[in-house]
Amino acid sequence: MFKNSPTVDRIATHILAFEGESKVTFFDGNFSEYEEWRKQTFGDAATRPHRITYRKLTR
């Protein structure tokens, strides 16, 4: 991820985040505010990377 990047904060005024479980979240604010909101919303799980699981393909 982008760690404390002032350039990203100036460019990103809105964020469309594709979270786990195919959930799309719209956030109105810069990247630093989004990271802070995400930590408050998801707690410790927001900072830990997790593996994506896919559904098995069937014919």
Protein backbone atom coordinates (compact mmCIF):
# COMPACT_ATOMS: atom_id res chain seq x y z
CA MET A 1 0.00 0.00 0.00
CA PHE A 2 0.92 3.65 -0.08
CA LYS A 3 2.42 4.60 3.26
CA ASN A 4 1.85 8.27 4.22
CA SER A 5 2.11 9.54 0.68
CA PRO A 6 1.20 13.24 0.40
CA THR A 7 0.89 12.88 -3.37
CA VAL A 8 -1.81 10.23 -3.08
CA ASP A 9 -3.64 12.36 -0.50
CA ARG A 10 -3.71 15.32 -2.88
CA ILE A 11 -4.81 13.29 -5.92
CA ALA A 12 -7.38 10.95 -4.33
CA THR A 13 -10.47 12.90 -3.32
CA HIS A 14 -12.83 9.92 -3.51
CA ILE A 15 -12.07 6.21 -3.15
CA LEU A 16 -13.93 3.26 -4.60
CA ALA A 17 -12.58 0.33 -2.58
CA PHE A 18 -13.16 -3.29 -3.54
CA GLU A 19 -13.13 -5.04 -0.17
CA GLY A 20 -13.31 -8.76 0.59
CA GLU A 21 -16.44 -10.81 -0.15
CA SER A 22 -16.99 -8.76 -3.34
CA LYS A 23 -18.10 -5.70 -1.38
CA VAL A 24 -17.62 -2.30 -3.00
CA THR A 25 -17.27 0.72 -0.69
CA PHE A 26 -17.39 4.37 -1.75
CA PHE A 27 -15.42 6.71 0.53
CA ASP A 28 -15.56 10.49 0.20
CA GLY A 29 -12.14 11.69 1.38
CA ASN A 30 -8.41 11.31 0.81
CA PHE A 31 -6.34 8.18 1.26
CA SER A 32 -5.13 8.94 4.81
CA GLU A 33 -8.72 9.48 5.96
CA TYR A 34 -9.74 6.22 4.27
CA GLU A 35 -7.00 4.26 6.05
CA GLU A 36 -8.03 5.75 9.40
CA TRP A 37 -11.73 4.98 8.74
CA ARG A 38 -10.86 1.44 7.69
CA LYS A 39 -8.89 0.82 10.91
CA GLN A 40 -11.82 2.11 12.98
CA THR A 41 -14.35 0.04 11.04
CA PHE A 42 -12.50 -3.26 10.67
CA GLY A 43 -10.18 -3.04 13.67
CA ASP A 44 -7.06 -5.20 13.66
CA ALA A 45 -8.19 -7.08 10.56
CA ALA A 46 -7.69 -3.93 8.45
CA THR A 47 -3.91 -4.02 8.88
CA ARG A 48 -3.42 -7.77 8.44
CA PRO A 49 -3.22 -9.11 4.88
CA HIS A 50 -5.55 -12.00 4.12
CA ARG A 51 -5.63 -14.49 1.37
CA ILE A 52 -8.42 -14.32 -1.18
CA THR A 53 -10.46 -17.48 -1.52
CA TYR A 54 -12.16 -18.29 -4.78
CA ARG A 55 -15.18 -20.42 -5.43
CA LYS A 56 -14.41 -23.61 -7.35
CA LEU A 57 -15.41 -23.63 -10.98
CA THR A 58 -18.03 -26.18 -11.99
CA ARG A 59 -19.25 -27.30 -15.37
